[in-house]
Full PDB file with SEQRES, HELIX, SHEET, SSBOND, CRYST1, ORIGX, SCALE, CONECT and MASTER records, all heavy atoms in Angstrom:
SEQRES   1 A   29  GLY TYR HIS SER PHE MET GLY SER VAL GLY ARG VAL PHE          
SEQRES   2 A   29  SER GLU TRP GLY ASP SER LEU SER ARG SER ARG ARG HIS          
SEQRES   3 A   29  SER PRO ARG                                                  
HELIX    1 AA1 TYR A    2  PHE A   13  1                                  12    
HELIX    2 AA2 LEU A   20  ARG A   22  5                                   3    
CRYST1    1.000    1.000    1.000  90.00  90.00  90.00 P 1           1          
ORIGX1      1.000000  0.000000  0.000000        0.00000                         
ORIGX2      0.000000  1.000000  0.000000        0.00000                         
ORIGX3      0.000000  0.000000  1.000000        0.00000                         
SCALE1      1.000000  0.000000  0.000000        0.00000                         
SCALE2      0.000000  1.000000  0.000000        0.00000                         
SCALE3      0.000000  0.000000  1.000000        0.00000                         
ATOM      1  N   GLY A   1     -69.753  -8.257 -58.406  1.00  0.00           N  
ATOM      2  CA  GLY A   1     -69.407  -6.851 -58.599  1.00  0.00           C  
ATOM      3  C   GLY A   1     -69.409  -6.084 -57.287  1.00  0.00           C  
ATOM      4  O   GLY A   1     -68.563  -5.222 -57.055  1.00  0.00           O  
ATOM      5  N   TYR A   2     -70.359  -6.421 -56.425  1.00  0.00           N  
ATOM      6  CA  TYR A   2     -70.440  -5.796 -55.100  1.00  0.00           C  
ATOM      7  C   TYR A   2     -69.192  -6.084 -54.280  1.00  0.00           C  
ATOM      8  O   TYR A   2     -68.608  -5.167 -53.680  1.00  0.00           O  
ATOM      9  CB  TYR A   2     -71.698  -6.299 -54.401  1.00  0.00           C  
ATOM     10  CG  TYR A   2     -71.696  -6.215 -52.899  1.00  0.00           C  
ATOM     11  CD1 TYR A   2     -71.592  -4.992 -52.240  1.00  0.00           C  
ATOM     12  CD2 TYR A   2     -71.810  -7.378 -52.126  1.00  0.00           C  
ATOM     13  CE1 TYR A   2     -71.605  -4.926 -50.857  1.00  0.00           C  
ATOM     14  CE2 TYR A   2     -71.829  -7.315 -50.750  1.00  0.00           C  
ATOM     15  CZ  TYR A   2     -71.724  -6.090 -50.113  1.00  0.00           C  
ATOM     16  OH  TYR A   2     -71.728  -6.030 -48.739  1.00  0.00           O  
ATOM     17  N   HIS A   3     -68.754  -7.323 -54.250  1.00  0.00           N  
ATOM     18  CA  HIS A   3     -67.550  -7.663 -53.482  1.00  0.00           C  
ATOM     19  C   HIS A   3     -66.317  -6.938 -54.045  1.00  0.00           C  
ATOM     20  O   HIS A   3     -65.476  -6.433 -53.290  1.00  0.00           O  
ATOM     21  CB  HIS A   3     -67.320  -9.174 -53.505  1.00  0.00           C  
ATOM     22  CG  HIS A   3     -68.331  -9.956 -52.731  1.00  0.00           C  
ATOM     23  ND1 HIS A   3     -68.612  -9.713 -51.403  1.00  0.00           N  
ATOM     24  CD2 HIS A   3     -69.149 -10.988 -53.099  1.00  0.00           C  
ATOM     25  CE1 HIS A   3     -69.548 -10.553 -50.981  1.00  0.00           C  
ATOM     26  NE2 HIS A   3     -69.886 -11.329 -51.997  1.00  0.00           N  
ATOM     27  N   SER A   4     -66.204  -6.888 -55.351  1.00  0.00           N  
ATOM     28  CA  SER A   4     -65.084  -6.191 -55.976  1.00  0.00           C  
ATOM     29  C   SER A   4     -65.117  -4.701 -55.653  1.00  0.00           C  
ATOM     30  O   SER A   4     -64.088  -4.079 -55.369  1.00  0.00           O  
ATOM     31  CB  SER A   4     -65.124  -6.409 -57.491  1.00  0.00           C  
ATOM     32  OG  SER A   4     -64.083  -5.698 -58.132  1.00  0.00           O  
ATOM     33  N   PHE A   5     -66.312  -4.127 -55.681  1.00  0.00           N  
ATOM     34  CA  PHE A   5     -66.492  -2.719 -55.352  1.00  0.00           C  
ATOM     35  C   PHE A   5     -66.052  -2.430 -53.923  1.00  0.00           C  
ATOM     36  O   PHE A   5     -65.352  -1.437 -53.656  1.00  0.00           O  
ATOM     37  CB  PHE A   5     -67.956  -2.340 -55.551  1.00  0.00           C  
ATOM     38  CG  PHE A   5     -68.331  -0.971 -55.052  1.00  0.00           C  
ATOM     39  CD1 PHE A   5     -67.894   0.168 -55.707  1.00  0.00           C  
ATOM     40  CD2 PHE A   5     -69.142  -0.832 -53.929  1.00  0.00           C  
ATOM     41  CE1 PHE A   5     -68.249   1.434 -55.249  1.00  0.00           C  
ATOM     42  CE2 PHE A   5     -69.499   0.427 -53.471  1.00  0.00           C  
ATOM     43  CZ  PHE A   5     -69.060   1.558 -54.129  1.00  0.00           C  
ATOM     44  N   MET A   6     -66.441  -3.282 -52.987  1.00  0.00           N  
ATOM     45  CA  MET A   6     -66.068  -3.060 -51.596  1.00  0.00           C  
ATOM     46  C   MET A   6     -64.565  -3.215 -51.393  1.00  0.00           C  
ATOM     47  O   MET A   6     -63.977  -2.555 -50.531  1.00  0.00           O  
ATOM     48  CB  MET A   6     -66.836  -4.016 -50.689  1.00  0.00           C  
ATOM     49  CG  MET A   6     -68.340  -3.758 -50.643  1.00  0.00           C  
ATOM     50  SD  MET A   6     -68.781  -2.022 -50.348  1.00  0.00           S  
ATOM     51  CE  MET A   6     -68.014  -1.731 -48.743  1.00  0.00           C  
ATOM     52  N   GLY A   7     -63.917  -4.081 -52.186  1.00  0.00           N  
ATOM     53  CA  GLY A   7     -62.460  -4.156 -52.122  1.00  0.00           C  
ATOM     54  C   GLY A   7     -61.832  -2.840 -52.536  1.00  0.00           C  
ATOM     55  O   GLY A   7     -60.877  -2.359 -51.905  1.00  0.00           O  
ATOM     56  N   SER A   8     -62.372  -2.219 -53.583  1.00  0.00           N  
ATOM     57  CA  SER A   8     -61.875  -0.915 -54.026  1.00  0.00           C  
ATOM     58  C   SER A   8     -62.127   0.147 -52.965  1.00  0.00           C  
ATOM     59  O   SER A   8     -61.264   0.990 -52.695  1.00  0.00           O  
ATOM     60  CB  SER A   8     -62.562  -0.516 -55.341  1.00  0.00           C  
ATOM     61  OG  SER A   8     -62.258  -1.424 -56.380  1.00  0.00           O  
ATOM     62  N   VAL A   9     -63.305   0.104 -52.356  1.00  0.00           N  
ATOM     63  CA  VAL A   9     -63.640   1.054 -51.303  1.00  0.00           C  
ATOM     64  C   VAL A   9     -62.655   0.943 -50.142  1.00  0.00           C  
ATOM     65  O   VAL A   9     -62.154   1.957 -49.629  1.00  0.00           O  
ATOM     66  CB  VAL A   9     -65.085   0.811 -50.805  1.00  0.00           C  
ATOM     67  CG1 VAL A   9     -65.345   1.556 -49.493  1.00  0.00           C  
ATOM     68  CG2 VAL A   9     -66.086   1.246 -51.870  1.00  0.00           C  
ATOM     69  N   GLY A  10     -62.348  -0.276 -49.734  1.00  0.00           N  
ATOM     70  CA  GLY A  10     -61.403  -0.470 -48.631  1.00  0.00           C  
ATOM     71  C   GLY A  10     -60.024   0.063 -48.957  1.00  0.00           C  
ATOM     72  O   GLY A  10     -59.365   0.676 -48.096  1.00  0.00           O  
ATOM     73  N   ARG A  11     -59.565  -0.128 -50.189  1.00  0.00           N  
ATOM     74  CA  ARG A  11     -58.232   0.369 -50.578  1.00  0.00           C  
ATOM     75  C   ARG A  11     -58.194   1.891 -50.628  1.00  0.00           C  
ATOM     76  O   ARG A  11     -57.192   2.501 -50.261  1.00  0.00           O  
ATOM     77  CB  ARG A  11     -57.823  -0.238 -51.909  1.00  0.00           C  
ATOM     78  CG  ARG A  11     -57.432  -1.715 -51.807  1.00  0.00           C  
ATOM     79  CD  ARG A  11     -56.894  -2.271 -53.100  1.00  0.00           C  
ATOM     80  NE  ARG A  11     -57.928  -2.431 -54.113  1.00  0.00           N  
ATOM     81  CZ  ARG A  11     -58.701  -3.507 -54.220  1.00  0.00           C  
ATOM     82  NH1 ARG A  11     -58.571  -4.509 -53.352  1.00  0.00           N  
ATOM     83  NH2 ARG A  11     -59.607  -3.599 -55.179  1.00  0.00           N  
ATOM     84  N   VAL A  12     -59.303   2.512 -51.061  1.00  0.00           N  
ATOM     85  CA  VAL A  12     -59.346   3.974 -51.076  1.00  0.00           C  
ATOM     86  C   VAL A  12     -59.362   4.507 -49.643  1.00  0.00           C  
ATOM     87  O   VAL A  12     -58.670   5.476 -49.314  1.00  0.00           O  
ATOM     88  CB  VAL A  12     -60.571   4.475 -51.864  1.00  0.00           C  
ATOM     89  CG1 VAL A  12     -60.713   5.998 -51.739  1.00  0.00           C  
ATOM     90  CG2 VAL A  12     -60.437   4.099 -53.343  1.00  0.00           C  
ATOM     91  N   PHE A  13     -60.136   3.880 -48.767  1.00  0.00           N  
ATOM     92  CA  PHE A  13     -60.154   4.307 -47.365  1.00  0.00           C  
ATOM     93  C   PHE A  13     -58.762   4.197 -46.738  1.00  0.00           C  
ATOM     94  O   PHE A  13     -58.398   5.006 -45.872  1.00  0.00           O  
ATOM     95  CB  PHE A  13     -61.143   3.463 -46.560  1.00  0.00           C  
ATOM     96  CG  PHE A  13     -62.546   3.990 -46.554  1.00  0.00           C  
ATOM     97  CD1 PHE A  13     -63.618   3.136 -46.803  1.00  0.00           C  
ATOM     98  CD2 PHE A  13     -62.808   5.323 -46.280  1.00  0.00           C  
ATOM     99  CE1 PHE A  13     -64.926   3.613 -46.791  1.00  0.00           C  
ATOM    100  CE2 PHE A  13     -64.106   5.813 -46.274  1.00  0.00           C  
ATOM    101  CZ  PHE A  13     -65.169   4.947 -46.532  1.00  0.00           C  
ATOM    102  N   SER A  14     -57.985   3.194 -47.145  1.00  0.00           N  
ATOM    103  CA  SER A  14     -56.649   3.014 -46.564  1.00  0.00           C  
ATOM    104  C   SER A  14     -55.711   4.163 -46.917  1.00  0.00           C  
ATOM    105  O   SER A  14     -54.672   4.333 -46.277  1.00  0.00           O  
ATOM    106  CB  SER A  14     -56.036   1.685 -47.038  1.00  0.00           C  
ATOM    107  OG  SER A  14     -55.733   1.729 -48.424  1.00  0.00           O  
ATOM    108  N   GLU A  15     -56.076   4.967 -47.917  1.00  0.00           N  
ATOM    109  CA  GLU A  15     -55.247   6.086 -48.336  1.00  0.00           C  
ATOM    110  C   GLU A  15     -55.642   7.389 -47.649  1.00  0.00           C  
ATOM    111  O   GLU A  15     -54.991   8.408 -47.848  1.00  0.00           O  
ATOM    112  CB  GLU A  15     -55.355   6.259 -49.859  1.00  0.00           C  
ATOM    113  CG  GLU A  15     -54.868   5.047 -50.641  1.00  0.00           C  
ATOM    114  CD  GLU A  15     -55.225   5.123 -52.115  1.00  0.00           C  
ATOM    115  OE1 GLU A  15     -55.776   6.173 -52.543  1.00  0.00           O  
ATOM    116  OE2 GLU A  15     -54.965   4.148 -52.841  1.00  0.00           O  
ATOM    117  N   TRP A  16     -56.705   7.354 -46.876  1.00  0.00           N  
ATOM    118  CA  TRP A  16     -57.133   8.566 -46.182  1.00  0.00           C  
ATOM    119  C   TRP A  16     -56.129   8.908 -45.082  1.00  0.00           C  
ATOM    120  O   TRP A  16     -55.456   8.033 -44.528  1.00  0.00           O  
ATOM    121  CB  TRP A  16     -58.509   8.375 -45.560  1.00  0.00           C  
ATOM    122  CG  TRP A  16     -59.623   8.466 -46.570  1.00  0.00           C  
ATOM    123  CD1 TRP A  16     -59.570   8.126 -47.884  1.00  0.00           C  
ATOM    124  CD2 TRP A  16     -60.958   8.910 -46.334  1.00  0.00           C  
ATOM    125  NE1 TRP A  16     -60.783   8.325 -48.478  1.00  0.00           N  
ATOM    126  CE2 TRP A  16     -61.651   8.800 -47.559  1.00  0.00           C  
ATOM    127  CE3 TRP A  16     -61.627   9.381 -45.209  1.00  0.00           C  
ATOM    128  CZ2 TRP A  16     -62.992   9.169 -47.690  1.00  0.00           C  
ATOM    129  CZ3 TRP A  16     -62.968   9.725 -45.334  1.00  0.00           C  
ATOM    130  CH2 TRP A  16     -63.639   9.632 -46.559  1.00  0.00           C  
ATOM    131  N   GLY A  17     -56.039  10.179 -44.742  1.00  0.00           N  
ATOM    132  CA  GLY A  17     -55.140  10.603 -43.677  1.00  0.00           C  
ATOM    133  C   GLY A  17     -55.564  10.040 -42.339  1.00  0.00           C  
ATOM    134  O   GLY A  17     -56.717   9.648 -42.145  1.00  0.00           O  
ATOM    135  N   ASP A  18     -54.618  10.006 -41.405  1.00  0.00           N  
ATOM    136  CA  ASP A  18     -54.911   9.423 -40.093  1.00  0.00           C  
ATOM    137  C   ASP A  18     -55.490  10.432 -39.118  1.00  0.00           C  
ATOM    138  O   ASP A  18     -55.695  10.132 -37.947  1.00  0.00           O  
ATOM    139  CB  ASP A  18     -53.650   8.796 -39.492  1.00  0.00           C  
ATOM    140  CG  ASP A  18     -52.490   9.796 -39.397  1.00  0.00           C  
ATOM    141  OD1 ASP A  18     -52.686  10.979 -39.742  1.00  0.00           O  
ATOM    142  OD2 ASP A  18     -51.389   9.369 -38.985  1.00  0.00           O  
ATOM    143  N   SER A  19     -55.740  11.660 -39.585  1.00  0.00           N  
ATOM    144  CA  SER A  19     -56.372  12.663 -38.736  1.00  0.00           C  
ATOM    145  C   SER A  19     -57.315  13.501 -39.592  1.00  0.00           C  
ATOM    146  O   SER A  19     -57.161  13.601 -40.807  1.00  0.00           O  
ATOM    147  CB  SER A  19     -55.324  13.566 -38.069  1.00  0.00           C  
ATOM    148  OG  SER A  19     -54.644  14.338 -39.041  1.00  0.00           O  
ATOM    149  N   LEU A  20     -58.284  14.112 -38.935  1.00  0.00           N  
ATOM    150  CA  LEU A  20     -59.295  14.875 -39.651  1.00  0.00           C  
ATOM    151  C   LEU A  20     -58.693  16.059 -40.382  1.00  0.00           C  
ATOM    152  O   LEU A  20     -59.129  16.433 -41.466  1.00  0.00           O  
ATOM    153  CB  LEU A  20     -60.366  15.354 -38.671  1.00  0.00           C  
ATOM    154  CG  LEU A  20     -61.622  15.993 -39.260  1.00  0.00           C  
ATOM    155  CD1 LEU A  20     -62.302  15.025 -40.218  1.00  0.00           C  
ATOM    156  CD2 LEU A  20     -62.576  16.397 -38.151  1.00  0.00           C  
ATOM    157  N   SER A  21     -57.641  16.659 -39.816  1.00  0.00           N  
ATOM    158  CA  SER A  21     -57.023  17.816 -40.446  1.00  0.00           C  
ATOM    159  C   SER A  21     -56.350  17.465 -41.757  1.00  0.00           C  
ATOM    160  O   SER A  21     -56.114  18.309 -42.603  1.00  0.00           O  
ATOM    161  CB  SER A  21     -55.997  18.445 -39.499  1.00  0.00           C  
ATOM    162  OG  SER A  21     -54.968  17.516 -39.197  1.00  0.00           O  
ATOM    163  N   ARG A  22     -56.021  16.166 -41.959  1.00  0.00           N  
ATOM    164  CA  ARG A  22     -55.375  15.729 -43.185  1.00  0.00           C  
ATOM    165  C   ARG A  22     -56.311  14.930 -44.072  1.00  0.00           C  
ATOM    166  O   ARG A  22     -55.899  14.323 -45.043  1.00  0.00           O  
ATOM    167  CB  ARG A  22     -54.159  14.860 -42.853  1.00  0.00           C  
ATOM    168  CG  ARG A  22     -53.063  15.568 -42.100  1.00  0.00           C  
ATOM    169  CD  ARG A  22     -52.021  14.572 -41.634  1.00  0.00           C  
ATOM    170  NE  ARG A  22     -51.508  13.774 -42.745  1.00  0.00           N  
ATOM    171  CZ  ARG A  22     -50.781  12.668 -42.582  1.00  0.00           C  
ATOM    172  NH1 ARG A  22     -50.524  12.225 -41.370  1.00  0.00           N  
ATOM    173  NH2 ARG A  22     -50.348  11.994 -43.630  1.00  0.00           N  
ATOM    174  N   SER A  23     -57.587  14.953 -43.732  1.00  0.00           N  
ATOM    175  CA  SER A  23     -58.512  14.042 -44.388  1.00  0.00           C  
ATOM    176  C   SER A  23     -59.124  14.586 -45.666  1.00  0.00           C  
ATOM    177  O   SER A  23     -59.717  13.847 -46.420  1.00  0.00           O  
ATOM    178  CB  SER A  23     -59.654  13.681 -43.429  1.00  0.00           C  
ATOM    179  OG  SER A  23     -60.478  14.795 -43.220  1.00  0.00           O  
ATOM    180  N   ARG A  24     -58.998  15.892 -45.926  1.00  0.00           N  
ATOM    181  CA  ARG A  24     -59.696  16.446 -47.073  1.00  0.00           C  
ATOM    182  C   ARG A  24     -58.888  16.256 -48.342  1.00  0.00           C  
ATOM    183  O   ARG A  24     -57.739  16.636 -48.427  1.00  0.00           O  
ATOM    184  CB  ARG A  24     -59.960  17.933 -46.839  1.00  0.00           C  
ATOM    185  CG  ARG A  24     -60.851  18.540 -47.921  1.00  0.00           C  
ATOM    186  CD  ARG A  24     -61.158  19.977 -47.603  1.00  0.00           C  
ATOM    187  NE  ARG A  24     -62.070  20.542 -48.602  1.00  0.00           N  
ATOM    188  CZ  ARG A  24     -62.482  21.797 -48.579  1.00  0.00           C  
ATOM    189  NH1 ARG A  24     -62.092  22.594 -47.622  1.00  0.00           N  
ATOM    190  NH2 ARG A  24     -63.289  22.245 -49.509  1.00  0.00           N  
ATOM    191  N   ARG A  25     -59.536  15.668 -49.318  1.00  0.00           N  
ATOM    192  CA  ARG A  25     -58.897  15.471 -50.612  1.00  0.00           C  
ATOM    193  C   ARG A  25     -59.382  16.572 -51.543  1.00  0.00           C  
ATOM    194  O   ARG A  25     -60.545  16.907 -51.593  1.00  0.00           O  
ATOM    195  CB  ARG A  25     -59.276  14.108 -51.188  1.00  0.00           C  
ATOM    196  CG  ARG A  25     -58.505  13.805 -52.444  1.00  0.00           C  
ATOM    197  CD  ARG A  25     -59.180  12.737 -53.237  1.00  0.00           C  
ATOM    198  NE  ARG A  25     -59.890  11.782 -52.401  1.00  0.00           N  
ATOM    199  CZ  ARG A  25     -59.728  10.485 -52.521  1.00  0.00           C  
ATOM    200  NH1 ARG A  25     -58.902   9.990 -53.370  1.00  0.00           N  
ATOM    201  NH2 ARG A  25     -60.450   9.660 -51.787  1.00  0.00           N  
ATOM    202  N   HIS A  26     -58.465  17.158 -52.319  1.00  0.00           N  
ATOM    203  CA  HIS A  26     -58.815  18.245 -53.207  1.00  0.00           C  
ATOM    204  C   HIS A  26     -58.921  17.746 -54.629  1.00  0.00           C  
ATOM    205  O   HIS A  26     -58.041  17.036 -55.115  1.00  0.00           O  
ATOM    206  CB  HIS A  26     -57.750  19.357 -53.145  1.00  0.00           C  
ATOM    207  CG  HIS A  26     -57.649  20.013 -51.809  1.00  0.00           C  
ATOM    208  ND1 HIS A  26     -58.402  21.107 -51.461  1.00  0.00           N  
ATOM    209  CD2 HIS A  26     -56.907  19.716 -50.724  1.00  0.00           C  
ATOM    210  CE1 HIS A  26     -58.113  21.472 -50.224  1.00  0.00           C  
ATOM    211  NE2 HIS A  26     -57.210  20.642 -49.761  1.00  0.00           N  
ATOM    212  N   SER A  27     -59.998  18.136 -55.293  1.00  0.00           N  
ATOM    213  CA  SER A  27     -60.112  17.852 -56.710  1.00  0.00           C  
ATOM    214  C   SER A  27     -59.212  18.820 -57.460  1.00  0.00           C  
ATOM    215  O   SER A  27     -58.847  19.867 -56.941  1.00  0.00           O  
ATOM    216  CB  SER A  27     -61.559  18.029 -57.162  1.00  0.00           C  
ATOM    217  OG  SER A  27     -61.939  19.382 -57.049  1.00  0.00           O  
ATOM    218  N   PRO A  28     -58.815  18.520 -58.718  1.00  0.00           N  
ATOM    219  CA  PRO A  28     -57.981  19.443 -59.483  1.00  0.00           C  
ATOM    220  C   PRO A  28     -58.602  20.824 -59.589  1.00  0.00           C  
ATOM    221  O   PRO A  28     -57.915  21.831 -59.482  1.00  0.00           O  
ATOM    222  CB  PRO A  28     -57.881  18.756 -60.854  1.00  0.00           C  
ATOM    223  CG  PRO A  28     -58.059  17.309 -60.561  1.00  0.00           C  
ATOM    224  CD  PRO A  28     -59.049  17.259 -59.430  1.00  0.00           C  
ATOM    225  N   ARG A  29     -59.920  20.887 -59.791  1.00  0.00           N  
ATOM    226  CA  ARG A  29     -60.559  22.196 -59.914  1.00  0.00           C  
ATOM    227  C   ARG A  29     -60.483  22.966 -58.620  1.00  0.00           C  
ATOM    228  O   ARG A  29     -60.219  24.161 -58.590  1.00  0.00           O  
ATOM    229  CB  ARG A  29     -62.027  22.006 -60.325  1.00  0.00           C  
ATOM    230  CG  ARG A  29     -62.777  23.316 -60.479  1.00  0.00           C  
ATOM    231  CD  ARG A  29     -64.218  23.068 -60.865  1.00  0.00           C  
ATOM    232  NE  ARG A  29     -64.306  22.383 -62.139  1.00  0.00           N  
ATOM    233  CZ  ARG A  29     -65.467  22.019 -62.666  1.00  0.00           C  
ATOM    234  NH1 ARG A  29     -66.601  22.279 -62.028  1.00  0.00           N  
ATOM    235  NH2 ARG A  29     -65.490  21.388 -63.829  1.00  0.00           N  
TER     236      ARG A  29                                                      
MASTER        0    0    0    2    0    0    0    6  235    1    0    3          
END                                                                             
């Protein structure tokens, strides 16, 4: 489960912006 979790973590990190100004993700609220 740990290895699978870290795979998910890596894929989510790959979707982060390439600069700090684009890094903030907004929740719907």
